[in-house]
Amino acid sequence: MEHLPVEVIGNILSRLGAARDVVIASATCRKWREAWRIHLHTLSFNSNDWPVYHELTTSRLEILITQTIFQTTGLQSLSIIMDDVDEFSAAPVIAWLMYTRESLRQLHYNVRTSPTINIIEKCGRQKLEILNLSHNTITGVEPSYQRFPCLKSLSLSHISISALDLSYLLTACPKIEILTLLSLDIAMSDAQTSMELNSPSLKDLSAEAISLEKFILEADNLEKLQLKDCTLEVFELIGKGTLKLLKIDDVSVIHLDIGENTENLEVVDVSNFTIMWTKFHHMISKASKLRGLRLWGVVFDDEDEVVDMETISFAEML
């Protein structure tokens, strides 16, 4: 072990993930301590990893996280998931983000701050590729196209944000491929009753527990679309027919339009949903590559109640 390069030791410590385990392991010897300071690239503070986290006061927890992060010099992945903490003070959170701004590629953060800070404003960095943000408020997003030039995956959960700011945020991510929206509190102005998102690079959209009058998505390269527990009057997908997977589960929508070009659809999975049979048949009849069709608790809202199964015999129906 004494002949291991210090960079390899840093990789070993990074695989531990949990901050407590990393700190304990780094006490092995001076060389491991050096690897902890210089070559550690992954650090995670999760309330499920260590029971003592539940016993610490918020201020003590802030100090512990600050001291741990500030002993590293090149973190690439930082995860702070504290389910039992109501909120952190803004000052230490800003310090964590500013200290890791030059090297961070992944950020997972789920704690509210007081006073509220714009996390997006603080972590818009050149190298950030994955951002998972929960239980925060996002306001005043500037429509800067290069705000997140490397971001490929964005997940927003229990976030308060306006439809316009979300649109601006997506525009600021020119390379985004994966977008996950869960239980968003979407503010609408009197003049704006719809949300319009545009991304030429987006490949995968998952939306859950979203309520909107109109949701319009323009994404020429979208391959996966998953909607769950959503209430929408109108959902419209504008694209070039690249969609491969369509999954709908317990969605209330009056008008659903995924475009005319459905020939690349491979999997259609629909549960607890009401749809016009003629429109549904028109969609799958063009899907020459369809290899999986699952319908569960589906109601066909059509005067013609007869469904000819021979017309969809090319697919598997469960």
Protein backbone atom coordinates (compact mmCIF):
# COMPACT_ATOMS: atom_id res chain seq x y z
CA MET A 1 0.00 0.00 0.00
CA GLU A 2 2.84 2.38 0.71
CA HIS A 3 3.81 2.30 -2.98
CA LEU A 4 0.37 3.39 -4.24
CA PRO A 5 0.48 6.76 -6.04
CA VAL A 6 -1.27 9.47 -4.07
CA GLU A 7 -3.66 10.03 -7.04
CA VAL A 8 -4.83 6.38 -6.79
CA ILE A 9 -5.47 6.81 -3.07
CA GLY A 10 -7.56 9.88 -3.91
CA ASN A 11 -9.68 7.75 -6.25
CA ILE A 12 -10.11 5.13 -3.52
CA LEU A 13 -11.29 7.73 -1.03
CA SER A 14 -13.64 9.23 -3.62
CA ARG A 15 -15.35 5.87 -4.07
CA LEU A 16 -16.31 5.87 -0.40
CA GLY A 17 -18.50 8.90 -1.04
CA ALA A 18 -19.86 9.45 2.48
CA ALA A 19 -17.96 12.29 4.16
CA ARG A 20 -17.65 10.51 7.53
CA ASP A 21 -16.10 7.40 5.92
CA VAL A 22 -13.70 9.52 3.87
CA VAL A 23 -12.51 11.47 6.93
CA ILE A 24 -11.91 8.28 8.92
CA ALA A 25 -10.07 6.57 6.07
CA SER A 26 -7.92 9.65 5.44
CA ALA A 27 -6.50 9.28 8.96
CA THR A 28 -4.68 6.09 7.92
CA CYS A 29 -1.39 7.89 7.41
CA ARG A 30 0.17 11.11 6.18
CA LYS A 31 0.03 9.99 2.54
CA TRP A 32 -3.69 9.25 2.76
CA ARG A 33 -4.22 12.62 4.40
CA GLU A 34 -2.45 14.26 1.48
CA ALA A 35 -4.66 12.37 -0.97
CA TRP A 36 -7.71 13.61 0.95
CA ARG A 37 -6.62 17.21 0.66
CA ILE A 38 -5.40 17.27 -2.93
CA HIS A 39 -6.92 14.38 -4.91
CA LEU A 40 -10.38 13.78 -3.41
CA HIS A 41 -13.02 14.48 -6.06
CA THR A 42 -16.28 13.14 -4.54
CA LEU A 43 -17.83 14.11 -1.21
CA SER A 44 -21.33 13.38 0.12
CA PHE A 45 -23.19 14.60 3.21
CA ASN A 46 -26.36 12.54 3.51
CA SER A 47 -28.52 12.38 6.64
CA ASN A 48 -29.13 8.68 5.96
CA ASP A 49 -25.42 7.82 6.10
CA TRP A 50 -24.76 8.64 9.75
CA PRO A 51 -27.28 8.78 12.66
CA VAL A 52 -25.25 11.50 14.39
CA TYR A 53 -26.31 13.97 11.68
CA HIS A 54 -29.81 13.87 13.18
CA GLU A 55 -28.49 14.87 16.60
CA LEU A 56 -26.45 17.89 15.52
CA THR A 57 -27.83 21.41 15.61
CA THR A 58 -28.05 23.22 12.28
CA SER A 59 -25.19 25.58 13.17
CA ARG A 60 -22.96 22.67 14.22
CA LEU A 61 -23.79 20.84 11.02
CA GLU A 62 -22.92 23.93 8.96
CA ILE A 63 -19.53 24.15 10.71
CA LEU A 64 -18.85 20.45 10.16
CA ILE A 65 -19.62 20.65 6.44
CA THR A 66 -17.59 23.85 6.06
CA GLN A 67 -14.52 22.43 7.80
CA THR A 68 -14.69 19.23 5.74
CA ILE A 69 -15.11 20.92 2.35
CA PHE A 70 -12.42 23.50 3.04
CA GLN A 71 -9.83 20.77 3.62
CA THR A 72 -10.17 19.66 -0.01
CA THR A 73 -8.84 21.48 -3.07
CA GLY A 74 -10.41 19.91 -6.16
CA LEU A 75 -13.89 18.56 -5.52
CA GLN A 76 -15.71 17.50 -8.69
CA SER A 77 -18.87 16.07 -7.10
CA LEU A 78 -20.59 17.51 -4.01
CA SER A 79 -23.78 16.12 -2.52
CA ILE A 80 -25.59 17.70 0.44
CA ILE A 81 -28.81 15.82 1.16
CA MET A 82 -30.15 16.63 4.62
CA ASP A 83 -33.80 15.63 4.91
CA ASP A 84 -34.09 16.59 8.59
CA VAL A 85 -32.74 20.13 8.23
CA ASP A 86 -35.35 22.83 7.70
CA GLU A 87 -32.88 25.38 6.37
CA PHE A 88 -29.24 26.41 6.34
CA SER A 89 -27.93 29.94 6.79
CA ALA A 90 -27.16 31.58 3.48
CA ALA A 91 -23.56 32.53 4.32
CA PRO A 92 -22.05 29.01 4.66
CA VAL A 93 -23.95 27.74 1.61
CA ILE A 94 -22.54 30.59 -0.49
CA ALA A 95 -19.09 29.80 0.90
CA TRP A 96 -19.36 26.13 -0.14
CA LEU A 97 -20.43 27.04 -3.66
CA MET A 98 -17.82 29.75 -4.13
CA TYR A 99 -15.02 27.54 -2.76
CA THR A 100 -15.77 24.68 -5.18
CA ARG A 101 -16.76 26.81 -8.17
CA GLU A 102 -13.63 26.20 -10.26
CA SER A 103 -13.63 22.38 -10.12
CA LEU A 104 -17.20 21.23 -9.44
CA ARG A 105 -18.87 19.10 -12.12
CA GLN A 106 -21.78 17.64 -10.12
CA LEU A 107 -23.90 19.30 -7.44
CA HIS A 108 -26.76 17.65 -5.53
CA TYR A 109 -28.37 19.99 -3.00
CA ASN A 110 -31.74 19.77 -1.23
CA VAL A 111 -31.78 22.16 1.76
CA ARG A 112 -33.56 25.52 1.97
CA THR A 113 -31.56 28.61 2.90
CA SER A 114 -32.40 31.62 5.04
CA PRO A 115 -32.38 34.23 3.74
CA THR A 116 -33.15 32.77 0.32
CA ILE A 117 -30.26 32.80 -2.13
CA ASN A 118 -30.20 32.19 -5.86
CA ILE A 119 -28.39 28.85 -6.06
CA ILE A 120 -28.43 29.05 -9.86
CA GLU A 121 -26.63 32.38 -9.73
CA LYS A 122 -23.92 30.98 -7.49
CA CYS A 123 -23.23 27.71 -9.32
CA GLY A 124 -23.27 28.77 -12.96
CA ARG A 125 -19.80 27.51 -13.73
CA GLN A 126 -17.76 26.41 -16.71
CA LYS A 127 -17.39 22.75 -15.64
CA LEU A 128 -20.76 21.93 -14.03
CA GLU A 129 -22.33 18.98 -15.88
CA ILE A 130 -24.99 17.68 -13.46
CA LEU A 131 -27.22 19.79 -11.20
CA ASN A 132 -29.87 18.29 -8.91
CA LEU A 133 -31.63 20.97 -6.89
CA SER A 134 -34.50 20.55 -4.41
CA HIS A 135 -36.55 22.66 -1.99
CA ASN A 136 -35.33 26.04 -3.19
CA THR A 137 -36.58 29.14 -4.97
CA ILE A 138 -35.21 30.22 -8.33
CA THR A 139 -35.82 33.82 -9.40
CA GLY A 140 -34.35 36.41 -11.70
CA VAL A 141 -32.71 34.03 -14.17
CA GLU A 142 -30.95 36.01 -16.87
CA PRO A 143 -31.39 34.78 -20.46
CA SER A 144 -27.67 34.13 -20.87
CA TYR A 145 -27.03 31.40 -23.43
CA GLN A 146 -23.62 30.53 -21.97
CA ARG A 147 -24.59 30.47 -18.28
CA PHE A 148 -24.17 26.68 -18.07
CA PRO A 149 -22.14 25.76 -21.16
CA CYS A 150 -21.35 22.20 -19.99
CA LEU A 151 -24.54 21.22 -18.13
CA LYS A 152 -26.00 17.96 -19.48
CA SER A 153 -28.43 16.93 -16.74
CA LEU A 154 -30.76 19.20 -14.73
CA SER A 155 -33.17 17.99 -12.04
CA LEU A 156 -35.52 20.37 -10.22
CA SER A 157 -37.61 18.97 -7.37
CA HIS A 158 -40.04 20.95 -5.16
CA ILE A 159 -38.71 24.18 -6.63
CA SER A 160 -40.55 27.49 -6.78
CA ILE A 161 -39.90 29.08 -10.18
CA SER A 162 -41.76 31.11 -12.76
CA ALA A 163 -42.48 29.73 -16.21
CA LEU A 164 -40.34 32.47 -17.74
CA ASP A 165 -37.36 31.78 -15.46
CA LEU A 166 -37.54 28.06 -16.27
CA SER A 167 -37.55 28.89 -19.96
CA TYR A 168 -34.54 31.18 -19.51
CA LEU A 169 -32.74 28.52 -17.45
CA LEU A 170 -33.17 25.92 -20.17
CA THR A 171 -31.90 28.39 -22.75
CA ALA A 172 -28.80 28.91 -20.60
CA CYS A 173 -27.95 25.20 -20.98
CA PRO A 174 -27.00 24.72 -24.65
CA LYS A 175 -25.82 21.12 -24.12
CA ILE A 176 -28.55 19.83 -21.82
CA GLU A 177 -29.75 16.30 -22.60
CA ILE A 178 -31.73 15.25 -19.51
CA LEU A 179 -34.37 17.40 -17.76
CA THR A 180 -36.36 16.19 -14.73
CA LEU A 181 -39.17 18.31 -13.26
CA LEU A 182 -40.86 17.12 -10.05
CA SER A 183 -43.56 18.92 -8.05
CA LEU A 184 -42.66 22.41 -9.22
CA ASP A 185 -44.46 25.46 -7.90
CA ILE A 186 -44.72 27.31 -11.19
CA ALA A 187 -45.69 30.96 -10.91
CA MET A 188 -47.75 32.38 -13.76
CA SER A 189 -48.23 36.03 -14.59
CA ASP A 190 -51.61 37.41 -15.64
CA ALA A 191 -50.34 37.76 -19.19
CA GLN A 192 -48.82 34.28 -19.31
CA THR A 193 -50.91 31.14 -18.84
CA SER A 194 -48.60 28.73 -20.61
CA MET A 195 -45.06 27.44 -20.27
CA GLU A 196 -42.94 27.20 -23.39
CA LEU A 197 -39.59 25.40 -23.28
CA ASN A 198 -37.16 25.26 -26.16
CA SER A 199 -34.03 23.09 -26.34
CA PRO A 200 -32.37 21.74 -29.48
CA SER A 201 -30.15 19.38 -27.44
CA LEU A 202 -32.72 17.86 -25.04
CA LYS A 203 -33.11 14.07 -25.35
CA ASP A 204 -34.94 13.04 -22.18
CA LEU A 205 -37.78 14.85 -20.35
CA SER A 206 -39.47 13.54 -17.20
CA ALA A 207 -42.26 15.62 -15.66
CA GLU A 208 -44.09 14.54 -12.51
CA ALA A 209 -46.77 16.27 -10.42
CA ILE A 210 -46.89 19.33 -12.69
CA SER A 211 -50.05 21.44 -13.08
CA LEU A 212 -50.32 23.82 -16.03
CA GLU A 213 -52.88 25.14 -18.48
CA LYS A 214 -50.57 24.79 -21.46
CA PHE A 215 -47.17 23.09 -21.73
CA ILE A 216 -45.40 23.53 -25.06
CA LEU A 217 -42.05 21.82 -25.60
CA GLU A 218 -39.93 22.43 -28.68
CA ALA A 219 -37.17 19.83 -28.81
CA ASP A 220 -35.96 18.53 -32.15
CA ASN A 221 -33.89 15.69 -30.67
CA LEU A 222 -36.16 14.43 -27.88
CA GLU A 223 -36.02 10.62 -27.55
CA LYS A 224 -37.75 9.98 -24.20
CA LEU A 225 -40.89 11.64 -22.86
CA GLN A 226 -42.32 10.60 -19.49
CA LEU A 227 -45.33 12.28 -17.87
CA LYS A 228 -46.66 11.19 -14.47
CA ASP A 229 -49.36 12.56 -12.14
CA CYS A 230 -49.65 15.74 -14.20
CA THR A 231 -52.69 17.96 -14.76
CA LEU A 232 -52.53 19.76 -18.09
CA GLU A 233 -55.10 21.26 -20.39
CA VAL A 234 -52.72 21.18 -23.34
CA PHE A 235 -49.42 19.40 -23.92
CA GLU A 236 -47.74 19.92 -27.26
CA LEU A 237 -44.43 18.51 -28.48
CA ILE A 238 -42.84 20.23 -31.44
CA GLY A 239 -39.95 18.27 -32.93
CA LYS A 240 -38.53 16.33 -35.84
CA GLY A 241 -39.94 12.92 -34.94
CA THR A 242 -37.00 11.52 -32.94
CA LEU A 243 -39.19 10.28 -30.04
CA LYS A 244 -38.46 6.63 -29.15
CA LEU A 245 -40.15 6.20 -25.75
CA LEU A 246 -43.49 7.62 -24.63
CA LYS A 247 -44.63 6.87 -21.07
CA ILE A 248 -47.80 8.36 -19.59
CA ASP A 249 -49.04 7.46 -16.10
CA ASP A 250 -52.10 8.96 -14.39
CA VAL A 251 -52.12 12.17 -16.42
CA SER A 252 -55.11 14.43 -16.93
CA VAL A 253 -54.83 16.28 -20.23
CA ILE A 254 -57.51 17.59 -22.56
CA HIS A 255 -55.33 17.94 -25.64
CA LEU A 256 -52.20 15.84 -26.15
CA ASP A 257 -50.16 16.39 -29.30
CA ILE A 258 -46.78 14.74 -29.82
CA GLY A 259 -46.60 15.60 -33.50
CA GLU A 260 -47.21 13.73 -36.73
CA ASN A 261 -43.77 12.15 -37.02
CA THR A 262 -44.00 9.06 -34.79
CA GLU A 263 -42.21 6.58 -37.02
CA ASN A 264 -39.29 6.24 -34.58
CA LEU A 265 -41.42 5.26 -31.58
CA GLU A 266 -40.17 1.99 -30.06
CA VAL A 267 -41.98 1.82 -26.71
CA VAL A 268 -45.40 3.22 -25.72
CA ASP A 269 -46.43 2.72 -22.08
CA VAL A 270 -49.76 4.24 -21.03
CA SER A 271 -51.45 3.81 -17.62
CA ASN A 272 -54.58 5.32 -16.06
CA PHE A 273 -55.29 7.58 -19.00
CA THR A 274 -58.17 8.60 -21.24
CA ILE A 275 -57.44 9.03 -24.93
CA MET A 276 -59.24 9.20 -28.27
CA TRP A 277 -58.87 5.82 -30.00
CA THR A 278 -58.74 7.29 -33.50
CA LYS A 279 -55.92 9.64 -32.48
CA PHE A 280 -54.06 6.89 -30.63
CA HIS A 281 -54.37 4.48 -33.54
CA HIS A 282 -53.16 7.18 -35.92
CA MET A 283 -50.07 7.60 -33.75
CA ILE A 284 -49.07 3.95 -33.41
CA SER A 285 -49.97 3.01 -36.98
CA LYS A 286 -47.06 5.15 -38.15
CA ALA A 287 -44.64 3.65 -35.62
CA SER A 288 -42.99 1.06 -37.83
CA LYS A 289 -40.26 0.43 -35.21
CA LEU A 290 -42.69 -0.17 -32.33
CA ARG A 291 -41.61 -3.18 -30.28
CA GLY A 292 -43.44 -2.62 -27.00
CA LEU A 293 -46.99 -1.41 -26.31
CA ARG A 294 -48.42 -1.49 -22.79
CA LEU A 295 -51.90 -0.24 -21.93
CA TRP A 296 -53.15 -0.39 -18.34
CA GLY A 297 -56.32 1.22 -17.07
CA VAL A 298 -56.77 3.08 -20.37
CA VAL A 299 -60.15 4.47 -21.42
CA PHE A 300 -60.74 5.19 -25.11
CA ASP A 301 -62.97 8.26 -25.28
CA ASP A 302 -64.50 7.66 -28.68
CA GLU A 303 -67.93 6.98 -30.13
CA ASP A 304 -66.51 3.95 -31.88
CA GLU A 305 -66.05 1.52 -28.99
CA VAL A 306 -64.72 -1.30 -31.16
CA VAL A 307 -60.94 -1.65 -31.04
CA ASP A 308 -59.54 -3.86 -33.80
CA MET A 309 -56.64 -5.69 -32.16
CA GLU A 310 -55.38 -6.95 -35.52
CA THR A 311 -54.36 -3.42 -36.41
CA ILE A 312 -51.85 -3.37 -33.56
CA SER A 313 -50.81 -7.02 -33.68
CA PHE A 314 -47.25 -5.97 -34.39
CA ALA A 315 -46.85 -4.84 -30.80
CA GLU A 316 -47.07 -6.47 -27.39
CA MET A 317 -50.19 -5.42 -25.48
CA LEU A 318 -50.50 -6.10 -21.77
